[in-house]
Amino acid sequence: MDTVVLRSSEIRLDGEARLGWWLVSEDGFGPGRLVDGPFPDRAGAAWAAAGHAVDEGASLRPVYGLRRPDGGLHRRPSPQEMAWLAHLGDQLDRLPEDWDAALADDDPLATLVVEVAAALTEAGLPLWDATGSGTALGGACVSAEPGLDGVVVGWRQHDRMSVEQVHGLVADISIQAVMNRALADVLWLRGLEVTPLGGDAGGSVVRYAD
């Protein structure tokens, strides 16, 4: 059997492309039905959905995996997903080393911290590197607070704004409030419960929505 690697997201076996992004019809009751593919990226599979009818009670979605000889699909993490997880891991490494020291292994706050970090990172908002070389650069501060039964989230501006105040105190306070509201809005739009903490300049407490 001849195997030719085409790109990071596609492989040909005996001249037939089998590993890549596929358009799959899913109804929630089975493994799904392959509709089209493979495509080199998620966007290509998503765009292809416009050219296919949707079965009643089903939906079309891009799925990465290896097509089996019987026409089924072995689902696998995509290169894009692996890159995203590595990037998220880099962001979580910015949290203080003991950020979860007071949490039990099964404490849902630990999971919530990761979900909050992921939501902010996906929005393009970096976490604050509290103890690393990027401390002065600012970013989102994320801290599990068992006493509040939630995760406290706030924005840390660049040292030029928050420490040196090169643009003055009013600009520092005003921009701090704007950024804290932006963080709160992002997390609320992602389905989390967000409660202001000490006014706009004080950040928010984030919890799972009921």
N, C-alpha and C. Protein backbone atom coordinates (compact mmCIF):
# COMPACT_ATOMS: atom_id res chain seq x y z
N MET A 1 0.85 -1.20 0.00
CA MET A 1 0.00 0.00 0.00
C MET A 1 0.88 1.24 0.00
N ASP A 2 0.65 2.14 -0.96
CA ASP A 2 1.42 3.37 -1.04
C ASP A 2 0.77 4.45 -0.20
N THR A 3 1.57 5.10 0.63
CA THR A 3 1.08 6.19 1.46
C THR A 3 1.84 7.46 1.10
N VAL A 4 1.11 8.52 0.79
CA VAL A 4 1.72 9.80 0.43
C VAL A 4 1.16 10.87 1.34
N VAL A 5 2.05 11.56 2.06
CA VAL A 5 1.62 12.66 2.92
C VAL A 5 1.48 13.91 2.07
N LEU A 6 0.28 14.49 2.04
CA LEU A 6 0.03 15.68 1.24
C LEU A 6 0.26 16.95 2.05
N ARG A 7 -0.28 17.01 3.24
CA ARG A 7 -0.16 18.16 4.13
C ARG A 7 -0.50 17.68 5.53
N SER A 8 -0.43 18.59 6.49
CA SER A 8 -0.62 18.17 7.88
C SER A 8 -2.01 17.63 8.14
N SER A 9 -2.98 17.95 7.29
CA SER A 9 -4.35 17.53 7.57
C SER A 9 -4.91 16.56 6.53
N GLU A 10 -4.06 15.97 5.68
CA GLU A 10 -4.59 15.07 4.67
C GLU A 10 -3.54 14.04 4.28
N ILE A 11 -3.96 12.79 4.12
CA ILE A 11 -3.09 11.71 3.67
C ILE A 11 -3.81 10.92 2.59
N ARG A 12 -3.06 10.47 1.59
CA ARG A 12 -3.62 9.60 0.56
C ARG A 12 -3.13 8.18 0.78
N LEU A 13 -4.06 7.24 0.74
CA LEU A 13 -3.75 5.83 0.82
C LEU A 13 -4.15 5.19 -0.50
N ASP A 14 -3.15 4.60 -1.21
CA ASP A 14 -3.41 4.03 -2.53
C ASP A 14 -4.10 5.03 -3.44
N GLY A 15 -3.64 6.28 -3.37
CA GLY A 15 -4.17 7.31 -4.25
C GLY A 15 -5.48 7.91 -3.81
N GLU A 16 -6.03 7.47 -2.68
CA GLU A 16 -7.32 7.98 -2.23
C GLU A 16 -7.16 8.75 -0.93
N ALA A 17 -7.63 9.99 -0.89
CA ALA A 17 -7.52 10.81 0.31
C ALA A 17 -8.52 10.33 1.34
N ARG A 18 -8.04 10.02 2.54
CA ARG A 18 -8.93 9.51 3.58
C ARG A 18 -8.84 10.29 4.89
N LEU A 19 -7.71 10.93 5.16
CA LEU A 19 -7.55 11.68 6.40
C LEU A 19 -7.71 13.16 6.13
N GLY A 20 -8.63 13.80 6.82
CA GLY A 20 -8.85 15.22 6.61
C GLY A 20 -10.14 15.65 7.26
N TRP A 21 -10.65 16.79 6.81
CA TRP A 21 -11.92 17.32 7.31
C TRP A 21 -13.05 16.79 6.43
N TRP A 22 -14.09 16.32 7.09
CA TRP A 22 -15.24 15.75 6.40
C TRP A 22 -16.50 16.49 6.84
N LEU A 23 -17.46 16.54 5.94
CA LEU A 23 -18.78 17.07 6.28
C LEU A 23 -19.64 15.89 6.69
N VAL A 24 -20.13 15.93 7.92
CA VAL A 24 -20.85 14.80 8.50
C VAL A 24 -22.26 15.22 8.89
N SER A 25 -23.23 14.37 8.57
CA SER A 25 -24.60 14.58 8.99
C SER A 25 -24.82 13.82 10.30
N GLU A 26 -25.26 14.55 11.34
CA GLU A 26 -25.46 13.95 12.65
C GLU A 26 -26.88 14.21 13.14
N ASP A 27 -27.49 13.16 13.71
CA ASP A 27 -28.83 13.32 14.27
C ASP A 27 -28.87 13.04 15.77
N GLY A 28 -27.69 12.80 16.37
CA GLY A 28 -27.63 12.55 17.80
C GLY A 28 -27.87 11.13 18.22
N PHE A 29 -28.12 10.23 17.26
CA PHE A 29 -28.44 8.85 17.60
C PHE A 29 -27.42 7.85 17.07
N GLY A 30 -26.40 8.31 16.40
CA GLY A 30 -25.43 7.39 15.84
C GLY A 30 -24.13 8.09 15.54
N PRO A 31 -23.21 7.40 14.88
CA PRO A 31 -21.89 7.98 14.61
C PRO A 31 -21.90 9.07 13.54
N GLY A 32 -23.00 9.21 12.82
CA GLY A 32 -23.05 10.22 11.77
C GLY A 32 -22.77 9.63 10.41
N ARG A 33 -23.20 10.34 9.37
CA ARG A 33 -23.05 9.88 8.00
C ARG A 33 -22.17 10.86 7.23
N LEU A 34 -21.13 10.32 6.56
CA LEU A 34 -20.26 11.16 5.75
C LEU A 34 -21.02 11.67 4.53
N VAL A 35 -20.97 12.99 4.34
CA VAL A 35 -21.68 13.62 3.25
C VAL A 35 -20.74 14.08 2.15
N ASP A 36 -19.58 14.61 2.55
CA ASP A 36 -18.65 15.16 1.56
C ASP A 36 -17.26 15.23 2.19
N GLY A 37 -16.23 15.28 1.32
CA GLY A 37 -14.87 15.41 1.81
C GLY A 37 -13.94 14.42 1.15
N PRO A 38 -12.67 14.44 1.54
CA PRO A 38 -12.12 15.28 2.60
C PRO A 38 -11.74 16.67 2.10
N PHE A 39 -11.61 17.60 3.07
CA PHE A 39 -11.19 18.97 2.80
C PHE A 39 -9.92 19.25 3.59
N PRO A 40 -9.08 20.16 3.10
CA PRO A 40 -7.82 20.44 3.80
C PRO A 40 -7.99 21.22 5.09
N ASP A 41 -9.15 21.87 5.28
CA ASP A 41 -9.34 22.64 6.51
C ASP A 41 -10.81 22.65 6.90
N ARG A 42 -11.07 23.09 8.13
CA ARG A 42 -12.43 23.12 8.67
C ARG A 42 -13.33 24.04 7.85
N ALA A 43 -12.78 25.19 7.42
CA ALA A 43 -13.58 26.16 6.68
C ALA A 43 -14.11 25.56 5.38
N GLY A 44 -13.28 24.78 4.69
CA GLY A 44 -13.71 24.17 3.44
C GLY A 44 -14.88 23.23 3.65
N ALA A 45 -14.81 22.43 4.71
CA ALA A 45 -15.92 21.51 5.01
C ALA A 45 -17.17 22.28 5.39
N ALA A 46 -17.01 23.37 6.15
CA ALA A 46 -18.17 24.15 6.57
C ALA A 46 -18.85 24.81 5.38
N TRP A 47 -18.05 25.36 4.46
CA TRP A 47 -18.62 26.00 3.28
C TRP A 47 -19.35 24.99 2.41
N ALA A 48 -18.87 23.76 2.38
CA ALA A 48 -19.50 22.74 1.54
C ALA A 48 -20.91 22.41 1.98
N ALA A 49 -21.23 22.71 3.24
CA ALA A 49 -22.57 22.40 3.76
C ALA A 49 -23.65 23.13 2.98
N ALA A 50 -23.31 24.29 2.41
CA ALA A 50 -24.31 25.07 1.67
C ALA A 50 -24.82 24.33 0.44
N GLY A 51 -24.05 23.37 -0.04
CA GLY A 51 -24.45 22.65 -1.24
C GLY A 51 -25.15 21.33 -0.98
N HIS A 52 -25.51 21.07 0.27
CA HIS A 52 -26.13 19.80 0.61
C HIS A 52 -27.42 20.02 1.39
N ALA A 53 -28.40 19.19 1.11
CA ALA A 53 -29.64 19.22 1.87
C ALA A 53 -29.41 18.58 3.23
N VAL A 54 -30.14 19.05 4.22
CA VAL A 54 -30.01 18.54 5.58
C VAL A 54 -31.17 17.60 5.88
N ASP A 55 -30.85 16.40 6.36
CA ASP A 55 -31.90 15.46 6.73
C ASP A 55 -32.73 16.02 7.89
N GLU A 56 -33.99 15.69 7.92
CA GLU A 56 -34.86 16.16 9.00
C GLU A 56 -34.33 15.67 10.35
N GLY A 57 -34.21 16.60 11.29
CA GLY A 57 -33.72 16.25 12.62
C GLY A 57 -32.22 16.12 12.72
N ALA A 58 -31.51 16.41 11.63
CA ALA A 58 -30.05 16.27 11.63
C ALA A 58 -29.40 17.63 11.39
N SER A 59 -28.09 17.67 11.54
CA SER A 59 -27.31 18.87 11.25
C SER A 59 -26.01 18.46 10.58
N LEU A 60 -25.47 19.37 9.79
CA LEU A 60 -24.20 19.13 9.11
C LEU A 60 -23.09 19.86 9.85
N ARG A 61 -21.99 19.17 10.11
CA ARG A 61 -20.88 19.81 10.80
C ARG A 61 -19.56 19.24 10.32
N PRO A 62 -18.50 20.05 10.35
CA PRO A 62 -17.17 19.55 9.96
C PRO A 62 -16.60 18.65 11.05
N VAL A 63 -16.03 17.54 10.64
CA VAL A 63 -15.40 16.60 11.57
C VAL A 63 -14.08 16.14 10.96
N TYR A 64 -13.05 16.08 11.79
CA TYR A 64 -11.74 15.63 11.32
C TYR A 64 -11.57 14.16 11.65
N GLY A 65 -11.04 13.41 10.69
CA GLY A 65 -10.81 12.00 10.97
C GLY A 65 -10.34 11.23 9.75
N LEU A 66 -10.26 9.92 9.94
CA LEU A 66 -9.79 8.99 8.91
C LEU A 66 -10.96 8.14 8.43
N ARG A 67 -11.23 8.20 7.14
CA ARG A 67 -12.32 7.40 6.61
C ARG A 67 -11.92 5.94 6.53
N ARG A 68 -12.77 5.09 7.07
CA ARG A 68 -12.52 3.65 7.04
C ARG A 68 -12.93 3.07 5.69
N PRO A 69 -12.41 1.89 5.36
CA PRO A 69 -12.81 1.25 4.10
C PRO A 69 -14.30 1.00 3.99
N ASP A 70 -15.00 0.84 5.15
CA ASP A 70 -16.44 0.58 5.11
C ASP A 70 -17.25 1.87 5.00
N GLY A 71 -16.57 3.02 4.88
CA GLY A 71 -17.28 4.28 4.73
C GLY A 71 -17.51 5.03 6.02
N GLY A 72 -17.17 4.42 7.16
CA GLY A 72 -17.30 5.10 8.45
C GLY A 72 -16.12 6.04 8.68
N LEU A 73 -16.11 6.67 9.84
CA LEU A 73 -15.08 7.66 10.13
C LEU A 73 -14.48 7.43 11.51
N HIS A 74 -13.15 7.30 11.55
CA HIS A 74 -12.42 7.32 12.81
C HIS A 74 -12.13 8.78 13.15
N ARG A 75 -12.77 9.32 14.16
CA ARG A 75 -12.56 10.72 14.52
C ARG A 75 -11.22 10.87 15.24
N ARG A 76 -10.50 11.91 14.85
CA ARG A 76 -9.18 12.17 15.43
C ARG A 76 -9.03 13.66 15.70
N PRO A 77 -8.17 14.01 16.67
CA PRO A 77 -7.88 15.44 16.87
C PRO A 77 -7.20 16.01 15.63
N SER A 78 -7.64 17.16 15.20
CA SER A 78 -7.05 17.78 14.01
C SER A 78 -5.75 18.49 14.38
N PRO A 79 -4.89 18.74 13.40
CA PRO A 79 -3.68 19.54 13.69
C PRO A 79 -4.03 20.90 14.27
N GLN A 80 -5.13 21.50 13.80
CA GLN A 80 -5.55 22.80 14.32
C GLN A 80 -5.94 22.69 15.79
N GLU A 81 -6.64 21.60 16.14
CA GLU A 81 -7.06 21.41 17.53
C GLU A 81 -5.85 21.18 18.43
N MET A 82 -4.88 20.41 17.94
CA MET A 82 -3.68 20.17 18.73
C MET A 82 -2.90 21.47 18.95
N ALA A 83 -2.84 22.30 17.91
CA ALA A 83 -2.15 23.59 18.04
C ALA A 83 -2.88 24.49 19.03
N TRP A 84 -4.22 24.46 18.99
CA TRP A 84 -5.00 25.27 19.92
C TRP A 84 -4.77 24.81 21.36
N LEU A 85 -4.77 23.50 21.60
CA LEU A 85 -4.57 23.00 22.96
C LEU A 85 -3.18 23.36 23.47
N ALA A 86 -2.19 23.34 22.59
CA ALA A 86 -0.84 23.73 22.99
C ALA A 86 -0.81 25.21 23.37
N HIS A 87 -1.51 26.04 22.58
CA HIS A 87 -1.56 27.48 22.87
C HIS A 87 -2.29 27.74 24.18
N LEU A 88 -3.40 27.03 24.41
CA LEU A 88 -4.13 27.19 25.67
C LEU A 88 -3.26 26.76 26.84
N GLY A 89 -2.50 25.68 26.66
CA GLY A 89 -1.60 25.24 27.72
C GLY A 89 -0.56 26.30 28.06
N ASP A 90 -0.06 26.98 27.03
CA ASP A 90 0.90 28.07 27.27
C ASP A 90 0.26 29.19 28.08
N GLN A 91 -1.01 29.49 27.78
CA GLN A 91 -1.70 30.53 28.53
C GLN A 91 -1.92 30.11 29.99
N LEU A 92 -2.32 28.86 30.21
CA LEU A 92 -2.55 28.38 31.57
C LEU A 92 -1.26 28.35 32.38
N ASP A 93 -0.14 28.17 31.69
CA ASP A 93 1.16 28.20 32.38
C ASP A 93 1.47 29.58 32.95
N ARG A 94 0.74 30.60 32.52
CA ARG A 94 0.95 31.94 33.04
C ARG A 94 0.31 32.14 34.41
N LEU A 95 -0.60 31.24 34.79
CA LEU A 95 -1.20 31.33 36.11
C LEU A 95 -0.14 31.04 37.17
N PRO A 96 -0.29 31.59 38.38
CA PRO A 96 0.66 31.27 39.45
C PRO A 96 0.75 29.76 39.67
N GLU A 97 1.91 29.27 40.05
CA GLU A 97 2.11 27.83 40.19
C GLU A 97 1.14 27.20 41.18
N ASP A 98 0.74 27.95 42.20
CA ASP A 98 -0.13 27.39 43.24
C ASP A 98 -1.60 27.80 43.06
N TRP A 99 -2.00 28.11 41.82
CA TRP A 99 -3.35 28.63 41.61
C TRP A 99 -4.43 27.64 42.03
N ASP A 100 -4.12 26.34 42.00
CA ASP A 100 -5.12 25.33 42.37
C ASP A 100 -4.77 24.62 43.67
N ALA A 101 -3.86 25.19 44.46
CA ALA A 101 -3.41 24.51 45.67
C ALA A 101 -4.54 24.31 46.67
N ALA A 102 -5.48 25.23 46.73
CA ALA A 102 -6.57 25.14 47.70
C ALA A 102 -7.78 24.38 47.16
N LEU A 103 -7.67 23.83 45.96
CA LEU A 103 -8.80 23.15 45.33
C LEU A 103 -8.61 21.64 45.37
N ALA A 104 -9.70 20.93 45.62
CA ALA A 104 -9.67 19.47 45.53
C ALA A 104 -9.55 19.06 44.07
N ASP A 105 -9.11 17.82 43.85
CA ASP A 105 -8.91 17.35 42.48
C ASP A 105 -10.19 17.42 41.65
N ASP A 106 -11.34 17.22 42.31
CA ASP A 106 -12.61 17.21 41.59
C ASP A 106 -13.39 18.51 41.77
N ASP A 107 -12.73 19.56 42.23
CA ASP A 107 -13.42 20.83 42.45
C ASP A 107 -13.79 21.44 41.09
N PRO A 108 -15.07 21.74 40.88
CA PRO A 108 -15.49 22.31 39.59
C PRO A 108 -14.86 23.68 39.31
N LEU A 109 -14.35 24.35 40.34
CA LEU A 109 -13.70 25.64 40.09
C LEU A 109 -12.45 25.48 39.23
N ALA A 110 -11.76 24.35 39.37
CA ALA A 110 -10.58 24.12 38.54
C ALA A 110 -10.97 24.04 37.07
N THR A 111 -12.06 23.33 36.80
CA THR A 111 -12.55 23.25 35.42
C THR A 111 -13.01 24.60 34.92
N LEU A 112 -13.66 25.36 35.81
CA LEU A 112 -14.15 26.68 35.42
C LEU A 112 -12.99 27.62 35.07
N VAL A 113 -11.90 27.53 35.81
CA VAL A 113 -10.73 28.35 35.48
C VAL A 113 -10.26 28.07 34.06
N VAL A 114 -10.19 26.79 33.71
CA VAL A 114 -9.74 26.41 32.36
C VAL A 114 -10.73 26.92 31.31
N GLU A 115 -12.03 26.79 31.59
CA GLU A 115 -13.04 27.25 30.63
C GLU A 115 -13.00 28.77 30.45
N VAL A 116 -12.80 29.49 31.55
CA VAL A 116 -12.69 30.94 31.46
C VAL A 116 -11.45 31.33 30.66
N ALA A 117 -10.33 30.68 30.96
CA ALA A 117 -9.10 30.97 30.23
C ALA A 117 -9.26 30.67 28.74
N ALA A 118 -9.94 29.57 28.42
CA ALA A 118 -10.15 29.21 27.02
C ALA A 118 -11.03 30.24 26.32
N ALA A 119 -12.10 30.67 26.98
CA ALA A 119 -13.00 31.65 26.37
C ALA A 119 -12.29 32.97 26.08
N LEU A 120 -11.47 33.41 27.03
CA LEU A 120 -10.75 34.67 26.83
C LEU A 120 -9.68 34.53 25.76
N THR A 121 -8.99 33.39 25.76
CA THR A 121 -7.94 33.17 24.77
C THR A 121 -8.53 33.08 23.37
N GLU A 122 -9.68 32.42 23.24
CA GLU A 122 -10.34 32.35 21.94
C GLU A 122 -10.77 33.73 21.45
N ALA A 123 -11.04 34.63 22.38
CA ALA A 123 -11.41 36.00 22.01
C ALA A 123 -10.19 36.86 21.70
N GLY A 124 -9.00 36.27 21.83
CA GLY A 124 -7.78 37.01 21.54
C GLY A 124 -7.24 37.81 22.71
N LEU A 125 -7.73 37.50 23.92
CA LEU A 125 -7.31 38.22 25.12
C LEU A 125 -6.35 37.34 25.92
N PRO A 126 -5.08 37.71 26.01
CA PRO A 126 -4.10 36.86 26.69
C PRO A 126 -4.25 36.93 28.21
N LEU A 127 -3.82 35.86 28.87
CA LEU A 127 -3.77 35.88 30.33
C LEU A 127 -2.53 36.64 30.78
N TRP A 128 -2.63 37.23 31.97
CA TRP A 128 -1.50 37.96 32.53
C TRP A 128 -0.44 36.97 33.00
N ASP A 129 0.78 37.20 32.59
CA ASP A 129 1.91 36.37 33.00
C ASP A 129 2.40 36.90 34.34
N ALA A 130 1.75 36.44 35.42
CA ALA A 130 1.95 37.05 36.73
C ALA A 130 3.37 36.93 37.26
N THR A 131 4.05 35.84 36.95
CA THR A 131 5.38 35.62 37.53
C THR A 131 6.46 35.45 36.48
N GLY A 132 6.13 35.56 35.21
CA GLY A 132 7.11 35.35 34.16
C GLY A 132 7.70 36.63 33.64
N SER A 133 8.32 36.52 32.48
CA SER A 133 9.01 37.67 31.90
C SER A 133 8.06 38.70 31.33
N GLY A 134 6.78 38.32 31.15
CA GLY A 134 5.83 39.25 30.56
C GLY A 134 4.96 39.97 31.57
N THR A 135 5.39 40.03 32.81
CA THR A 135 4.58 40.65 33.87
C THR A 135 4.15 42.07 33.52
N ALA A 136 5.05 42.84 32.95
CA ALA A 136 4.76 44.25 32.68
C ALA A 136 3.77 44.44 31.54
N LEU A 137 3.52 43.39 30.75
CA LEU A 137 2.71 43.55 29.55
C LEU A 137 1.21 43.58 29.82
N GLY A 138 0.79 43.07 30.97
CA GLY A 138 -0.63 43.05 31.29
C GLY A 138 -1.34 41.85 30.69
N GLY A 139 -2.65 41.81 30.91
CA GLY A 139 -3.46 40.70 30.43
C GLY A 139 -4.60 40.42 31.39
N ALA A 140 -5.32 39.34 31.15
CA ALA A 140 -6.46 38.98 31.99
C ALA A 140 -5.98 38.22 33.23
N CYS A 141 -6.43 38.67 34.38
CA CYS A 141 -6.12 37.99 35.65
C CYS A 141 -7.27 37.04 35.97
N VAL A 142 -6.94 35.78 36.20
CA VAL A 142 -7.95 34.76 36.46
C VAL A 142 -7.56 34.03 37.74
N SER A 143 -8.47 34.01 38.72
CA SER A 143 -8.15 33.42 40.01
C SER A 143 -9.35 32.68 40.58
N ALA A 144 -9.16 31.42 40.93
CA ALA A 144 -10.21 30.64 41.59
C ALA A 144 -10.35 31.12 43.03
N GLU A 145 -11.57 31.42 43.44
CA GLU A 145 -11.83 31.92 44.79
C GLU A 145 -12.92 31.08 45.44
N PRO A 146 -12.52 30.01 46.18
CA PRO A 146 -13.53 29.14 46.81
C PRO A 146 -14.47 29.90 47.74
N GLY A 147 -13.97 30.94 48.41
CA GLY A 147 -14.82 31.70 49.32
C GLY A 147 -15.97 32.41 48.62
N LEU A 148 -15.79 32.70 47.34
CA LEU A 148 -16.83 33.35 46.54
C LEU A 148 -17.57 32.34 45.66
N ASP A 149 -17.12 31.09 45.73
CA ASP A 149 -17.70 30.03 44.91
C ASP A 149 -17.68 30.41 43.43
N GLY A 150 -16.56 30.96 43.01
CA GLY A 150 -16.45 31.38 41.62
C GLY A 150 -15.02 31.70 41.24
N VAL A 151 -14.87 32.25 40.06
CA VAL A 151 -13.56 32.64 39.53
C VAL A 151 -13.57 34.15 39.35
N VAL A 152 -12.60 34.82 39.95
CA VAL A 152 -12.50 36.27 39.83
C VAL A 152 -11.68 36.59 38.58
N VAL A 153 -12.23 37.47 37.76
CA VAL A 153 -11.59 37.84 36.49
C VAL A 153 -11.49 39.36 36.42
N GLY A 154 -10.33 39.85 36.07
CA GLY A 154 -10.13 41.28 35.90
C GLY A 154 -9.00 41.53 34.92
N TRP A 155 -8.88 42.76 34.47
CA TRP A 155 -7.85 43.10 33.49
C TRP A 155 -6.68 43.79 34.17
N ARG A 156 -5.49 43.43 33.77
CA ARG A 156 -4.27 44.09 34.24
C ARG A 156 -3.66 44.82 33.06
N GLN A 157 -3.61 46.15 33.14
CA GLN A 157 -3.06 46.93 32.03
C GLN A 157 -1.54 46.86 32.02
N HIS A 158 -0.98 47.29 30.91
CA HIS A 158 0.48 47.40 30.80
C HIS A 158 0.99 48.33 31.90
N ASP A 159 2.20 48.07 32.36
CA ASP A 159 2.78 48.90 33.42
C ASP A 159 2.78 50.39 33.07
N ARG A 160 2.85 50.70 31.78
CA ARG A 160 2.82 52.12 31.39
C ARG A 160 1.53 52.79 31.86
N MET A 161 0.44 52.01 31.86
CA MET A 161 -0.85 52.57 32.29
C MET A 161 -1.06 52.40 33.79
N SER A 162 -0.82 51.19 34.30
CA SER A 162 -1.21 50.87 35.67
C SER A 162 -0.18 51.29 36.72
N VAL A 163 1.09 51.32 36.36
CA VAL A 163 2.15 51.65 37.32
C VAL A 163 2.70 53.05 37.06
N GLU A 164 3.16 53.27 35.84
CA GLU A 164 3.76 54.57 35.51
C GLU A 164 2.71 55.65 35.25
N GLN A 165 1.51 55.22 34.87
CA GLN A 165 0.40 56.14 34.59
C GLN A 165 0.84 57.29 33.68
N VAL A 166 1.44 56.90 32.55
CA VAL A 166 1.96 57.91 31.63
C VAL A 166 0.86 58.75 31.00
N HIS A 167 -0.38 58.26 31.03
CA HIS A 167 -1.49 59.03 30.48
C HIS A 167 -2.41 59.58 31.56
N GLY A 168 -1.99 59.45 32.81
CA GLY A 168 -2.75 60.03 33.90
C GLY A 168 -3.67 59.04 34.59
N LEU A 169 -4.09 59.43 35.79
CA LEU A 169 -4.93 58.57 36.62
C LEU A 169 -6.31 58.35 36.02
N VAL A 170 -6.88 59.39 35.44
CA VAL A 170 -8.23 59.27 34.88
C VAL A 170 -8.24 58.26 33.74
N ALA A 171 -7.24 58.33 32.86
CA ALA A 171 -7.17 57.37 31.75
C ALA A 171 -6.98 55.96 32.28
N ASP A 172 -6.16 55.81 33.30
CA ASP A 172 -5.92 54.49 33.90
C ASP A 172 -7.23 53.90 34.41
N ILE A 173 -7.97 54.67 35.21
CA ILE A 173 -9.22 54.17 35.80
C ILE A 173 -10.27 53.90 34.72
N SER A 174 -10.37 54.80 33.75
CA SER A 174 -11.39 54.66 32.72
C SER A 174 -11.15 53.45 31.84
N ILE A 175 -9.91 53.27 31.41
CA ILE A 175 -9.59 52.13 30.55
C ILE A 175 -9.70 50.83 31.33
N GLN A 176 -9.35 50.86 32.61
CA GLN A 176 -9.51 49.67 33.45
C GLN A 176 -10.98 49.24 33.48
N ALA A 177 -11.87 50.20 33.63
CA ALA A 177 -13.30 49.89 33.66
C ALA A 177 -13.77 49.33 32.32
N VAL A 178 -13.31 49.93 31.23
CA VAL A 178 -13.70 49.46 29.89
C VAL A 178 -13.26 48.02 29.67
N MET A 179 -12.03 47.71 30.03
CA MET A 179 -11.50 46.36 29.80
C MET A 179 -12.19 45.33 30.69
N ASN A 180 -12.49 45.71 31.94
CA ASN A 180 -13.20 44.78 32.81
C ASN A 180 -14.60 44.48 32.28
N ARG A 181 -15.26 45.50 31.75
CA ARG A 181 -16.58 45.27 31.16
C ARG A 181 -16.47 44.38 29.93
N ALA A 182 -15.40 44.57 29.15
CA ALA A 182 -15.20 43.74 27.96
C ALA A 182 -15.03 42.27 28.34
N LEU A 183 -14.22 42.01 29.36
CA LEU A 183 -14.05 40.63 29.82
C LEU A 183 -15.38 40.05 30.27
N ALA A 184 -16.13 40.83 31.04
CA ALA A 184 -17.42 40.35 31.54
C ALA A 184 -18.37 40.05 30.39
N ASP A 185 -18.39 40.91 29.38
CA ASP A 185 -19.28 40.69 28.24
C ASP A 185 -18.91 39.42 27.48
N VAL A 186 -17.62 39.20 27.27
CA VAL A 186 -17.17 38.00 26.56
C VAL A 186 -17.63 36.75 27.30
N LEU A 187 -17.43 36.72 28.61
CA LEU A 187 -17.78 35.53 29.38
C LEU A 187 -19.29 35.34 29.49
N TRP A 188 -20.03 36.45 29.58
CA TRP A 188 -21.49 36.35 29.59
C TRP A 188 -22.01 35.80 28.27
N LEU A 189 -21.43 36.27 27.17
CA LEU A 189 -21.84 35.78 25.86
C LEU A 189 -21.51 34.30 25.67
N ARG A 190 -20.54 33.81 26.42
CA ARG A 190 -20.20 32.39 26.36
C ARG A 190 -21.05 31.54 27.31
N GLY A 191 -22.06 32.16 27.91
CA GLY A 191 -23.02 31.39 28.70
C GLY A 191 -22.71 31.27 30.18
N LEU A 192 -21.77 32.07 30.69
CA LEU A 192 -21.43 32.02 32.10
C LEU A 192 -22.15 33.13 32.86
N GLU A 193 -22.32 32.92 34.16
CA GLU A 193 -22.92 33.94 35.01
C GLU A 193 -21.83 34.88 35.48
N VAL A 194 -22.03 36.17 35.29
CA VAL A 194 -21.00 37.17 35.61
C VAL A 194 -21.59 38.20 36.55
N THR A 195 -20.94 38.37 37.72
CA THR A 195 -21.40 39.33 38.72
C THR A 195 -20.30 40.36 38.97
N PRO A 196 -20.61 41.65 38.86
CA PRO A 196 -19.59 42.68 39.11
C PRO A 196 -19.04 42.57 40.53
N LEU A 197 -17.77 42.87 40.67
CA LEU A 197 -17.10 42.81 41.97
C LEU A 197 -16.45 44.16 42.24
N GLY A 198 -17.04 44.93 43.13
CA GLY A 198 -16.44 46.21 43.51
C GLY A 198 -16.49 47.26 42.43
N GLY A 199 -17.52 47.26 41.59
CA GLY A 199 -17.61 48.26 40.54
C GLY A 199 -16.86 47.86 39.30
N ASP A 200 -16.95 48.71 38.26
CA ASP A 200 -16.33 48.38 36.98
C ASP A 200 -14.83 48.18 37.08
N ALA A 201 -14.19 48.91 37.98
CA ALA A 201 -12.73 48.81 38.10
C ALA A 201 -12.29 47.59 38.90
N GLY A 202 -13.26 46.85 39.47
CA GLY A 202 -12.91 45.75 40.36
C GLY A 202 -13.04 44.37 39.77
N GLY A 203 -13.37 44.25 38.51
CA GLY A 203 -13.48 42.94 37.90
C GLY A 203 -14.83 42.29 38.15
N SER A 204 -14.87 40.96 38.00
CA SER A 204 -16.13 40.22 38.11
C SER A 204 -15.89 38.87 38.74
N VAL A 205 -16.96 38.32 39.31
CA VAL A 205 -16.96 36.93 39.77
C VAL A 205 -17.73 36.12 38.73
N VAL A 206 -17.11 35.07 38.24
CA VAL A 206 -17.70 34.25 37.19
C VAL A 206 -18.08 32.89 37.77
N ARG A 207 -19.29 32.47 37.46
CA ARG A 207 -19.79 31.18 37.93
C ARG A 207 -20.51 30.48 36.77
N TYR A 208 -20.75 29.19 36.94
CA TYR A 208 -21.58 28.49 35.96
C TYR A 208 -23.01 29.00 36.08
N ALA A 209 -23.65 29.19 34.94
CA ALA A 209 -25.04 29.63 34.96
C ALA A 209 -25.94 28.50 35.42
N ASP A 210 -27.01 28.85 36.12
CA ASP A 210 -27.96 27.84 36.59
C ASP A 210 -28.73 27.24 35.41
